[in-house]
Amino acid sequence: MISFLLIAAIVYWLIVAPMTKLIRLFDRDKAATTKQCPECLSDIPAEARRCAHCTSELVPESEKPR
């Protein structure tokens, strides 16, 4: 039982913890290039004018009234 816990702790600290940090790093870059469709809530490119999933027209940020 002790050897199992030691191996599990080593695997966690050497593989799982660094991988979660890498995944968070890559997700941060993804958030800057995508936005969420207001109609169907799917992720679409930030520059899209029409949603590929529900085909609703999107108003660009520069044309929205303030």
C-alpha atoms as a PDB file:
ATOM      1  CA  MET A   1       0.000   0.000   0.000  1.00  0.00           C
ATOM      2  CA  ILE A   2       2.811   2.408   0.858  1.00  0.00           C
ATOM      3  CA  SER A   3       4.631   1.745  -2.423  1.00  0.00           C
ATOM      4  CA  PHE A   4       1.409   2.397  -4.363  1.00  0.00           C
ATOM      5  CA  LEU A   5       0.910   5.737  -2.619  1.00  0.00           C
ATOM      6  CA  LEU A   6       4.523   6.734  -3.258  1.00  0.00           C
ATOM      7  CA  ILE A   7       4.280   5.895  -6.968  1.00  0.00           C
ATOM      8  CA  ALA A   8       0.935   7.705  -7.245  1.00  0.00           C
ATOM      9  CA  ALA A   9       2.405  10.824  -5.604  1.00  0.00           C
ATOM     10  CA  ILE A  10       5.452  10.763  -7.891  1.00  0.00           C
ATOM     11  CA  VAL A  11       3.299  10.376 -11.007  1.00  0.00           C
ATOM     12  CA  TYR A  12       1.073  13.224  -9.860  1.00  0.00           C
ATOM     13  CA  TRP A  13       3.913  15.668  -9.157  1.00  0.00           C
ATOM     14  CA  LEU A  14       6.015  14.769 -12.224  1.00  0.00           C
ATOM     15  CA  ILE A  15       3.286  14.319 -14.872  1.00  0.00           C
ATOM     16  CA  VAL A  16      -0.184  15.540 -13.880  1.00  0.00           C
ATOM     17  CA  ALA A  17       0.677  18.872 -12.226  1.00  0.00           C
ATOM     18  CA  PRO A  18       2.976  20.144 -15.038  1.00  0.00           C
ATOM     19  CA  MET A  19       0.460  19.075 -17.712  1.00  0.00           C
ATOM     20  CA  THR A  20      -2.360  21.050 -16.075  1.00  0.00           C
ATOM     21  CA  LYS A  21      -0.138  24.141 -16.055  1.00  0.00           C
ATOM     22  CA  LEU A  22       0.607  23.667 -19.771  1.00  0.00           C
ATOM     23  CA  ILE A  23      -3.069  23.210 -20.606  1.00  0.00           C
ATOM     24  CA  ARG A  24      -3.953  26.418 -18.733  1.00  0.00           C
ATOM     25  CA  LEU A  25      -1.225  28.269 -20.634  1.00  0.00           C
ATOM     26  CA  PHE A  26      -2.571  27.134 -24.020  1.00  0.00           C
ATOM     27  CA  ASP A  27      -6.190  27.887 -23.054  1.00  0.00           C
ATOM     28  CA  ARG A  28      -5.231  31.459 -22.167  1.00  0.00           C
ATOM     29  CA  ASP A  29      -3.986  32.023 -25.740  1.00  0.00           C
ATOM     30  CA  LYS A  30      -7.136  30.439 -27.183  1.00  0.00           C
ATOM     31  CA  ALA A  31      -9.383  32.842 -25.299  1.00  0.00           C
ATOM     32  CA  ALA A  32      -7.796  35.804 -27.058  1.00  0.00           C
ATOM     33  CA  THR A  33      -8.604  34.420 -30.532  1.00  0.00           C
ATOM     34  CA  THR A  34     -12.173  33.210 -29.958  1.00  0.00           C
ATOM     35  CA  LYS A  35     -15.430  34.643 -28.697  1.00  0.00           C
ATOM     36  CA  GLN A  36     -18.790  33.196 -27.773  1.00  0.00           C
ATOM     37  CA  CYS A  37     -21.832  33.409 -30.047  1.00  0.00           C
ATOM     38  CA  PRO A  38     -24.657  35.255 -28.233  1.00  0.00           C
ATOM     39  CA  GLU A  39     -27.320  32.995 -29.799  1.00  0.00           C
ATOM     40  CA  CYS A  40     -25.998  29.419 -29.483  1.00  0.00           C
ATOM     41  CA  LEU A  41     -23.100  30.013 -27.041  1.00  0.00           C
ATOM     42  CA  SER A  42     -20.543  28.123 -29.161  1.00  0.00           C
ATOM     43  CA  ASP A  43     -16.920  29.257 -29.542  1.00  0.00           C
ATOM     44  CA  ILE A  44     -16.226  31.045 -32.824  1.00  0.00           C
ATOM     45  CA  PRO A  45     -13.250  33.028 -34.199  1.00  0.00           C
ATOM     46  CA  ALA A  46     -13.025  36.587 -32.870  1.00  0.00           C
ATOM     47  CA  GLU A  47     -13.191  38.121 -36.362  1.00  0.00           C
ATOM     48  CA  ALA A  48     -16.267  36.142 -37.499  1.00  0.00           C
ATOM     49  CA  ARG A  49     -19.248  38.054 -38.883  1.00  0.00           C
ATOM     50  CA  ARG A  50     -21.579  35.029 -38.906  1.00  0.00           C
ATOM     51  CA  CYS A  51     -21.716  32.027 -36.569  1.00  0.00           C
ATOM     52  CA  ALA A  52     -20.809  28.745 -38.277  1.00  0.00           C
ATOM     53  CA  HIS A  53     -23.088  26.745 -35.976  1.00  0.00           C
ATOM     54  CA  CYS A  54     -26.373  28.692 -35.937  1.00  0.00           C
ATOM     55  CA  THR A  55     -25.680  31.098 -38.884  1.00  0.00           C
ATOM     56  CA  SER A  56     -26.778  34.162 -36.928  1.00  0.00           C
ATOM     57  CA  GLU A  57     -25.237  37.469 -37.989  1.00  0.00           C
ATOM     58  CA  LEU A  58     -22.827  38.996 -35.493  1.00  0.00           C
ATOM     59  CA  VAL A  59     -22.169  42.683 -34.997  1.00  0.00           C
ATOM     60  CA  PRO A  60     -18.428  43.447 -34.815  1.00  0.00           C
ATOM     61  CA  GLU A  61     -17.208  45.133 -31.628  1.00  0.00           C
ATOM     62  CA  SER A  62     -16.222  48.261 -33.588  1.00  0.00           C
ATOM     63  CA  GLU A  63     -19.797  48.739 -34.919  1.00  0.00           C
ATOM     64  CA  LYS A  64     -21.687  48.216 -31.642  1.00  0.00           C
ATOM     65  CA  PRO A  65     -23.382  51.338 -30.219  1.00  0.00           C
ATOM     66  CA  ARG A  66     -21.855  52.656 -27.030  1.00  0.00           C
END
